[in-house]
Each structure stands twice: as structure tokens, then as C-alpha cells.
């Protein structure tokens, strides 16, 4: 399966805030999502957490159980991913 970056669909930026968060963060995607999944990985590429069935323009990430480390996010919505 091939993916196309969501950024190719829009000139608007995806935002994640606050950067360096202690309890939760918001991922904001201007064009919105429908039944998307957000996966979180550590710097070694190891799976940490997943949030499923995201709809709308934003999702909240709860930090419970997440390590104190740099994490990478992957958002997929059908054939699109960030």
C-alpha cells in the first residue's frame, strides 16, 4: 500500500501543542480526519501507543504511560499519512 502525505492535500500546517507536554497535547489537522489512527513511536521506532477512530480537526494525546523521551507521531487516514 502506498501513502500520500496529507501535507500534499493542503497548504495549512498540522500543529502539535504544547511542545514538551506534561499531561496531554493536541494534534490539530486543519482539513480534518475521518476514522484516522494516530500511532506514537519512540526514537528507536518502537511502538508506544495508538489512538483509533479520530474524527474532526483535532485529537488529544494523554501522556499516561509514555516515557520521558522524544516521540514520533504517525497519523493515517485511509491512504493518507503524516
PDB file of N, CA and C in Angstrom:
ATOM      1  N   UNK A   1       0.849  -1.170   0.000  1.00  0.00           N
ATOM      2  CA  UNK A   1       0.000   0.000   0.000  1.00  0.00           C
ATOM      3  C   UNK A   1       0.891   1.229   0.000  1.00  0.00           C
ATOM      4  N   UNK A   2       0.582   2.179  -0.843  1.00  0.00           N
ATOM      5  CA  UNK A   2       1.353   3.419  -0.865  1.00  0.00           C
ATOM      6  C   UNK A   2       0.582   4.518  -0.139  1.00  0.00           C
ATOM      7  N   UNK A   3       1.325   5.458   0.384  1.00  0.00           N
ATOM      8  CA  UNK A   3       0.726   6.556   1.131  1.00  0.00           C
ATOM      9  C   UNK A   3       1.091   7.883   0.490  1.00  0.00           C
ATOM     10  N   UNK A   4       0.218   8.843   0.647  1.00  0.00           N
ATOM     11  CA  UNK A   4       0.470  10.211   0.217  1.00  0.00           C
ATOM     12  C   UNK A   4       0.419  11.090   1.449  1.00  0.00           C
ATOM     13  N   UNK A   5       1.354  11.973   1.588  1.00  0.00           N
ATOM     14  CA  UNK A   5       1.375  12.860   2.740  1.00  0.00           C
ATOM     15  C   UNK A   5       0.146  13.764   2.725  1.00  0.00           C
ATOM     16  N   UNK A   6      -0.479  13.934   3.883  1.00  0.00           N
ATOM     17  CA  UNK A   6      -1.624  14.834   3.980  1.00  0.00           C
ATOM     18  C   UNK A   6      -1.207  16.248   3.605  1.00  0.00           C
ATOM     19  N   UNK A   7       0.062  16.588   3.837  1.00  0.00           N
ATOM     20  CA  UNK A   7       0.512  17.937   3.502  1.00  0.00           C
ATOM     21  C   UNK A   7       0.389  18.205   2.004  1.00  0.00           C
ATOM     22  N   UNK A   8       0.327  17.166   1.175  1.00  0.00           N
ATOM     23  CA  UNK A   8       0.110  17.350  -0.253  1.00  0.00           C
ATOM     24  C   UNK A   8      -1.331  17.770  -0.553  1.00  0.00           C
ATOM     25  N   UNK A   9      -2.253  17.527   0.377  1.00  0.00           N
ATOM     26  CA  UNK A   9      -3.660  17.877   0.179  1.00  0.00           C
ATOM     27  C   UNK A   9      -3.967  19.300   0.601  1.00  0.00           C
ATOM     28  N   UNK A  10      -3.089  19.923   1.360  1.00  0.00           N
ATOM     29  CA  UNK A  10      -3.399  21.228   1.937  1.00  0.00           C
ATOM     30  C   UNK A  10      -2.153  22.074   2.108  1.00  0.00           C
ATOM     31  N   UNK A  11      -2.329  23.379   2.070  1.00  0.00           N
ATOM     32  CA  UNK A  11      -1.224  24.283   2.351  1.00  0.00           C
ATOM     33  C   UNK A  11      -1.164  24.629   3.835  1.00  0.00           C
ATOM     34  N   UNK A  12      -2.170  24.232   4.585  1.00  0.00           N
ATOM     35  CA  UNK A  12      -2.213  24.534   6.012  1.00  0.00           C
ATOM     36  C   UNK A  12      -1.326  23.559   6.777  1.00  0.00           C
ATOM     37  N   UNK A  13      -0.826  23.997   7.918  1.00  0.00           N
ATOM     38  CA  UNK A  13       0.098  23.200   8.709  1.00  0.00           C
ATOM     39  C   UNK A  13      -0.620  22.382   9.766  1.00  0.00           C
ATOM     40  N   UNK A  14      -0.090  21.210  10.009  1.00  0.00           N
ATOM     41  CA  UNK A  14      -0.520  20.397  11.127  1.00  0.00           C
ATOM     42  C   UNK A  14       0.215  20.914  12.355  1.00  0.00           C
ATOM     43  N   UNK A  15      -0.491  21.051  13.471  1.00  0.00           N
ATOM     44  CA  UNK A  15       0.123  21.591  14.696  1.00  0.00           C
ATOM     45  C   UNK A  15       0.017  20.573  15.814  1.00  0.00           C
ATOM     46  N   UNK A  16       1.043  20.531  16.635  1.00  0.00           N
ATOM     47  CA  UNK A  16       1.034  19.724  17.857  1.00  0.00           C
ATOM     48  C   UNK A  16       1.452  20.670  18.975  1.00  0.00           C
ATOM     49  N   UNK A  17       0.596  20.803  19.977  1.00  0.00           N
ATOM     50  CA  UNK A  17       0.903  21.734  21.063  1.00  0.00           C
ATOM     51  C   UNK A  17       0.313  21.258  22.373  1.00  0.00           C
ATOM     52  N   UNK A  18       0.875  21.634  23.507  1.00  0.00           N
ATOM     53  CA  UNK A  18       2.164  22.293  23.623  1.00  0.00           C
ATOM     54  C   UNK A  18       3.286  21.307  23.321  1.00  0.00           C
ATOM     55  N   UNK A  19       4.391  21.845  22.809  1.00  0.00           N
ATOM     56  CA  UNK A  19       5.563  21.017  22.572  1.00  0.00           C
ATOM     57  C   UNK A  19       6.305  20.930  23.894  1.00  0.00           C
ATOM     58  N   UNK A  20       6.638  19.767  24.292  1.00  0.00           N
ATOM     59  CA  UNK A  20       7.051  19.400  25.643  1.00  0.00           C
ATOM     60  C   UNK A  20       5.827  19.501  26.539  1.00  0.00           C
ATOM     61  N   UNK A  21       5.083  18.430  26.591  1.00  0.00           N
ATOM     62  CA  UNK A  21       3.864  18.432  27.402  1.00  0.00           C
ATOM     63  C   UNK A  21       3.994  17.485  28.575  1.00  0.00           C
ATOM     64  N   UNK A  22       3.320  17.829  29.671  1.00  0.00           N
ATOM     65  CA  UNK A  22       3.416  17.018  30.879  1.00  0.00           C
ATOM     66  C   UNK A  22       2.214  16.103  31.075  1.00  0.00           C
ATOM     67  N   UNK A  23       1.035  16.493  30.621  1.00  0.00           N
ATOM     68  CA  UNK A  23      -0.143  15.646  30.834  1.00  0.00           C
ATOM     69  C   UNK A  23      -0.870  15.296  29.541  1.00  0.00           C
ATOM     70  N   UNK A  24      -1.029  16.259  28.636  1.00  0.00           N
ATOM     71  CA  UNK A  24      -1.700  15.977  27.364  1.00  0.00           C
ATOM     72  C   UNK A  24      -1.268  16.990  26.315  1.00  0.00           C
ATOM     73  N   UNK A  25      -1.497  16.624  25.053  1.00  0.00           N
ATOM     74  CA  UNK A  25      -1.180  17.516  23.931  1.00  0.00           C
ATOM     75  C   UNK A  25      -2.292  17.392  22.901  1.00  0.00           C
ATOM     76  N   UNK A  26      -2.406  18.393  22.051  1.00  0.00           N
ATOM     77  CA  UNK A  26      -3.403  18.415  20.985  1.00  0.00           C
ATOM     78  C   UNK A  26      -2.692  18.320  19.638  1.00  0.00           C
ATOM     79  N   UNK A  27      -3.196  17.438  18.782  1.00  0.00           N
ATOM     80  CA  UNK A  27      -2.753  17.365  17.392  1.00  0.00           C
ATOM     81  C   UNK A  27      -3.868  17.992  16.579  1.00  0.00           C
ATOM     82  N   UNK A  28      -3.557  19.056  15.862  1.00  0.00           N
ATOM     83  CA  UNK A  28      -4.566  19.788  15.096  1.00  0.00           C
ATOM     84  C   UNK A  28      -4.258  19.658  13.603  1.00  0.00           C
ATOM     85  N   UNK A  29      -5.252  19.174  12.847  1.00  0.00           N
ATOM     86  CA  UNK A  29      -5.116  18.973  11.409  1.00  0.00           C
ATOM     87  C   UNK A  29      -6.232  19.756  10.732  1.00  0.00           C
ATOM     88  N   UNK A  30      -5.892  20.877  10.072  1.00  0.00           N
ATOM     89  CA  UNK A  30      -6.895  21.806   9.548  1.00  0.00           C
ATOM     90  C   UNK A  30      -7.965  21.193   8.640  1.00  0.00           C
ATOM     91  N   UNK A  31      -7.598  20.272   7.764  1.00  0.00           N
ATOM     92  CA  UNK A  31      -8.599  19.704   6.851  1.00  0.00           C
ATOM     93  C   UNK A  31      -9.444  18.614   7.492  1.00  0.00           C
ATOM     94  N   UNK A  32      -9.098  18.197   8.689  1.00  0.00           N
ATOM     95  CA  UNK A  32      -9.876  17.202   9.406  1.00  0.00           C
ATOM     96  C   UNK A  32      -9.567  15.783   8.974  1.00  0.00           C
ATOM     97  N   UNK A  33     -10.025  14.851   9.803  1.00  0.00           N
ATOM     98  CA  UNK A  33      -9.809  13.432   9.580  1.00  0.00           C
ATOM     99  C   UNK A  33     -11.119  12.685   9.745  1.00  0.00           C
ATOM    100  N   UNK A  34     -11.171  11.484   9.181  1.00  0.00           N
ATOM    101  CA  UNK A  34     -12.335  10.634   9.323  1.00  0.00           C
ATOM    102  C   UNK A  34     -11.870   9.212   9.580  1.00  0.00           C
ATOM    103  N   UNK A  35     -12.099   8.716  10.788  1.00  0.00           N
ATOM    104  CA  UNK A  35     -11.694   7.373  11.195  1.00  0.00           C
ATOM    105  C   UNK A  35     -10.194   7.165  11.059  1.00  0.00           C
ATOM    106  N   UNK A  36      -9.428   8.139  11.476  1.00  0.00           N
ATOM    107  CA  UNK A  36      -7.971   8.079  11.391  1.00  0.00           C
ATOM    108  C   UNK A  36      -7.387   7.383  12.618  1.00  0.00           C
ATOM    109  N   UNK A  37      -6.118   7.000  12.502  1.00  0.00           N
ATOM    110  CA  UNK A  37      -5.377   6.413  13.602  1.00  0.00           C
ATOM    111  C   UNK A  37      -4.107   7.226  13.835  1.00  0.00           C
ATOM    112  N   UNK A  38      -3.771   7.442  15.089  1.00  0.00           N
ATOM    113  CA  UNK A  38      -2.552   8.134  15.463  1.00  0.00           C
ATOM    114  C   UNK A  38      -1.685   7.136  16.212  1.00  0.00           C
ATOM    115  N   UNK A  39      -0.510   6.858  15.699  1.00  0.00           N
ATOM    116  CA  UNK A  39       0.427   5.939  16.345  1.00  0.00           C
ATOM    117  C   UNK A  39       1.617   6.729  16.853  1.00  0.00           C
ATOM    118  N   UNK A  40       2.119   6.349  18.033  1.00  0.00           N
ATOM    119  CA  UNK A  40       3.241   7.029  18.655  1.00  0.00           C
ATOM    120  C   UNK A  40       4.379   6.024  18.815  1.00  0.00           C
ATOM    121  N   UNK A  41       5.596   6.461  18.409  1.00  0.00           N
ATOM    122  CA  UNK A  41       6.782   5.610  18.462  1.00  0.00           C
ATOM    123  C   UNK A  41       7.904   6.342  19.182  1.00  0.00           C
ATOM    124  N   UNK A  42       8.821   5.580  19.792  1.00  0.00           N
ATOM    125  CA  UNK A  42       9.990   6.214  20.407  1.00  0.00           C
ATOM    126  C   UNK A  42      11.072   6.406  19.351  1.00  0.00           C
ATOM    127  N   UNK A  43      12.210   6.943  19.757  1.00  0.00           N
ATOM    128  CA  UNK A  43      13.278   7.258  18.799  1.00  0.00           C
ATOM    129  C   UNK A  43      13.914   6.022  18.174  1.00  0.00           C
ATOM    130  N   UNK A  44      13.651   4.843  18.737  1.00  0.00           N
ATOM    131  CA  UNK A  44      14.136   3.590  18.161  1.00  0.00           C
ATOM    132  C   UNK A  44      13.114   2.966  17.217  1.00  0.00           C
ATOM    133  N   UNK A  45      11.970   3.638  17.056  1.00  0.00           N
ATOM    134  CA  UNK A  45      10.917   3.125  16.184  1.00  0.00           C
ATOM    135  C   UNK A  45      10.012   2.108  16.860  1.00  0.00           C
ATOM    136  N   UNK A  46      10.122   1.974  18.166  1.00  0.00           N
ATOM    137  CA  UNK A  46       9.295   1.028  18.911  1.00  0.00           C
ATOM    138  C   UNK A  46       7.932   1.643  19.216  1.00  0.00           C
ATOM    139  N   UNK A  47       6.899   0.856  19.006  1.00  0.00           N
ATOM    140  CA  UNK A  47       5.514   1.280  19.238  1.00  0.00           C
ATOM    141  C   UNK A  47       5.320   1.611  20.716  1.00  0.00           C
ATOM    142  N   UNK A  48       4.654   2.747  20.984  1.00  0.00           N
ATOM    143  CA  UNK A  48       4.342   3.150  22.356  1.00  0.00           C
ATOM    144  C   UNK A  48       2.836   3.137  22.601  1.00  0.00           C
ATOM    145  N   UNK A  49       2.088   3.754  21.690  1.00  0.00           N
ATOM    146  CA  UNK A  49       0.665   3.972  21.946  1.00  0.00           C
ATOM    147  C   UNK A  49      -0.064   4.222  20.633  1.00  0.00           C
ATOM    148  N   UNK A  50      -1.380   3.945  20.623  1.00  0.00           N
ATOM    149  CA  UNK A  50      -2.184   4.228  19.434  1.00  0.00           C
ATOM    150  C   UNK A  50      -3.545   4.777  19.863  1.00  0.00           C
ATOM    151  N   UNK A  51      -4.024   5.757  19.096  1.00  0.00           N
ATOM    152  CA  UNK A  51      -5.367   6.308  19.296  1.00  0.00           C
ATOM    153  C   UNK A  51      -6.123   6.044  18.008  1.00  0.00           C
ATOM    154  N   UNK A  52      -7.262   5.366  18.095  1.00  0.00           N
ATOM    155  CA  UNK A  52      -8.021   4.975  16.908  1.00  0.00           C
ATOM    156  C   UNK A  52      -9.286   5.799  16.750  1.00  0.00           C
ATOM    157  N   UNK A  53      -9.829   5.761  15.557  1.00  0.00           N
ATOM    158  CA  UNK A  53     -11.121   6.353  15.210  1.00  0.00           C
ATOM    159  C   UNK A  53     -11.176   7.861  15.473  1.00  0.00           C
ATOM    160  N   UNK A  54     -10.141   8.568  15.032  1.00  0.00           N
ATOM    161  CA  UNK A  54     -10.086  10.021  15.197  1.00  0.00           C
ATOM    162  C   UNK A  54     -10.937  10.667  14.113  1.00  0.00           C
ATOM    163  N   UNK A  55     -11.821  11.544  14.525  1.00  0.00           N
ATOM    164  CA  UNK A  55     -12.677  12.272  13.587  1.00  0.00           C
ATOM    165  C   UNK A  55     -12.565  13.761  13.891  1.00  0.00           C
ATOM    166  N   UNK A  56     -12.643  14.573  12.862  1.00  0.00           N
ATOM    167  CA  UNK A  56     -12.608  16.019  13.065  1.00  0.00           C
ATOM    168  C   UNK A  56     -11.229  16.593  12.854  1.00  0.00           C
ATOM    169  N   UNK A  57     -11.018  17.782  13.398  1.00  0.00           N
ATOM    170  CA  UNK A  57      -9.788  18.528  13.150  1.00  0.00           C
ATOM    171  C   UNK A  57      -8.739  18.414  14.244  1.00  0.00           C
ATOM    172  N   UNK A  58      -9.042  17.717  15.336  1.00  0.00           N
ATOM    173  CA  UNK A  58      -8.030  17.585  16.369  1.00  0.00           C
ATOM    174  C   UNK A  58      -8.216  16.327  17.197  1.00  0.00           C
ATOM    175  N   UNK A  59      -7.106  15.905  17.807  1.00  0.00           N
ATOM    176  CA  UNK A  59      -7.112  14.739  18.695  1.00  0.00           C
ATOM    177  C   UNK A  59      -6.262  15.089  19.910  1.00  0.00           C
ATOM    178  N   UNK A  60      -6.621  14.523  21.035  1.00  0.00           N
ATOM    179  CA  UNK A  60      -5.874  14.751  22.267  1.00  0.00           C
ATOM    180  C   UNK A  60      -5.037  13.522  22.586  1.00  0.00           C
ATOM    181  N   UNK A  61      -3.778  13.758  22.964  1.00  0.00           N
ATOM    182  CA  UNK A  61      -2.886  12.677  23.367  1.00  0.00           C
ATOM    183  C   UNK A  61      -2.698  12.762  24.869  1.00  0.00           C
ATOM    184  N   UNK A  62      -3.091  11.703  25.584  1.00  0.00           N
ATOM    185  CA  UNK A  62      -2.901  11.615  27.026  1.00  0.00           C
ATOM    186  C   UNK A  62      -1.522  11.010  27.276  1.00  0.00           C
ATOM    187  N   UNK A  63      -0.718  11.642  28.084  1.00  0.00           N
ATOM    188  CA  UNK A  63       0.664  11.222  28.291  1.00  0.00           C
ATOM    189  C   UNK A  63       0.812  10.031  29.232  1.00  0.00           C
ATOM    190  N   UNK A  64      -0.235   9.590  29.886  1.00  0.00           N
ATOM    191  CA  UNK A  64      -0.156   8.459  30.817  1.00  0.00           C
ATOM    192  C   UNK A  64       0.577   7.280  30.199  1.00  0.00           C
ATOM    193  N   UNK A  65       1.588   6.778  30.894  1.00  0.00           N
ATOM    194  CA  UNK A  65       2.323   5.604  30.451  1.00  0.00           C
ATOM    195  C   UNK A  65       3.373   5.866  29.381  1.00  0.00           C
ATOM    196  N   UNK A  66       3.516   7.104  28.956  1.00  0.00           N
ATOM    197  CA  UNK A  66       4.507   7.412  27.927  1.00  0.00           C
ATOM    198  C   UNK A  66       5.845   7.763  28.578  1.00  0.00           C
ATOM    199  N   UNK A  67       6.966   7.373  27.951  1.00  0.00           N
ATOM    200  CA  UNK A  67       8.281   7.655  28.531  1.00  0.00           C
ATOM    201  C   UNK A  67       8.676   9.125  28.396  1.00  0.00           C
ATOM    202  N   UNK A  68       9.636   9.536  29.196  1.00  0.00           N
ATOM    203  CA  UNK A  68      10.230  10.873  29.065  1.00  0.00           C
ATOM    204  C   UNK A  68      11.268  10.803  27.958  1.00  0.00           C
ATOM    205  N   UNK A  69      10.838  10.991  26.738  1.00  0.00           N
ATOM    206  CA  UNK A  69      11.738  10.854  25.592  1.00  0.00           C
ATOM    207  C   UNK A  69      11.120  11.526  24.378  1.00  0.00           C
ATOM    208  N   UNK A  70      11.922  11.672  23.330  1.00  0.00           N
ATOM    209  CA  UNK A  70      11.411  12.171  22.062  1.00  0.00           C
ATOM    210  C   UNK A  70      10.522  11.102  21.438  1.00  0.00           C
ATOM    211  N   UNK A  71       9.351  11.512  20.986  1.00  0.00           N
ATOM    212  CA  UNK A  71       8.423  10.578  20.354  1.00  0.00           C
ATOM    213  C   UNK A  71       8.067  11.064  18.957  1.00  0.00           C
ATOM    214  N   UNK A  72       7.705  10.126  18.111  1.00  0.00           N
ATOM    215  CA  UNK A  72       7.307  10.429  16.742  1.00  0.00           C
ATOM    216  C   UNK A  72       5.876   9.976  16.534  1.00  0.00           C
ATOM    217  N   UNK A  73       5.131  10.803  15.799  1.00  0.00           N
ATOM    218  CA  UNK A  73       3.722  10.506  15.540  1.00  0.00           C
ATOM    219  C   UNK A  73       3.522  10.136  14.084  1.00  0.00           C
ATOM    220  N   UNK A  74       2.600   9.204  13.859  1.00  0.00           N
ATOM    221  CA  UNK A  74       2.172   8.873  12.501  1.00  0.00           C
ATOM    222  C   UNK A  74       0.648   8.876  12.516  1.00  0.00           C
ATOM    223  N   UNK A  75       0.053   9.709  11.690  1.00  0.00           N
ATOM    224  CA  UNK A  75      -1.399   9.783  11.573  1.00  0.00           C
ATOM    225  C   UNK A  75      -1.775   9.234  10.210  1.00  0.00           C
ATOM    226  N   UNK A  76      -2.663   8.250  10.181  1.00  0.00           N
ATOM    227  CA  UNK A  76      -3.113   7.689   8.908  1.00  0.00           C
ATOM    228  C   UNK A  76      -4.629   7.855   8.801  1.00  0.00           C
ATOM    229  N   UNK A  77      -5.064   8.236   7.615  1.00  0.00           N
ATOM    230  CA  UNK A  77      -6.482   8.442   7.317  1.00  0.00           C
ATOM    231  C   UNK A  77      -6.714   7.859   5.931  1.00  0.00           C
ATOM    232  N   UNK A  78      -7.110   6.589   5.870  1.00  0.00           N
ATOM    233  CA  UNK A  78      -7.241   5.940   4.578  1.00  0.00           C
ATOM    234  C   UNK A  78      -5.873   5.774   3.951  1.00  0.00           C
ATOM    235  N   UNK A  79      -5.677   6.339   2.788  1.00  0.00           N
ATOM    236  CA  UNK A  79      -4.371   6.209   2.127  1.00  0.00           C
ATOM    237  C   UNK A  79      -3.452   7.401   2.401  1.00  0.00           C
ATOM    238  N   UNK A  80      -3.839   8.311   3.279  1.00  0.00           N
ATOM    239  CA  UNK A  80      -3.022   9.480   3.603  1.00  0.00           C
ATOM    240  C   UNK A  80      -2.340   9.286   4.938  1.00  0.00           C
ATOM    241  N   UNK A  81      -1.136   9.831   5.076  1.00  0.00           N
ATOM    242  CA  UNK A  81      -0.443   9.773   6.380  1.00  0.00           C
ATOM    243  C   UNK A  81       0.391  11.027   6.579  1.00  0.00           C
ATOM    244  N   UNK A  82       0.613  11.318   7.846  1.00  0.00           N
ATOM    245  CA  UNK A  82       1.507  12.419   8.234  1.00  0.00           C
ATOM    246  C   UNK A  82       2.696  11.758   8.909  1.00  0.00           C
TER     247      UNK A  82
END
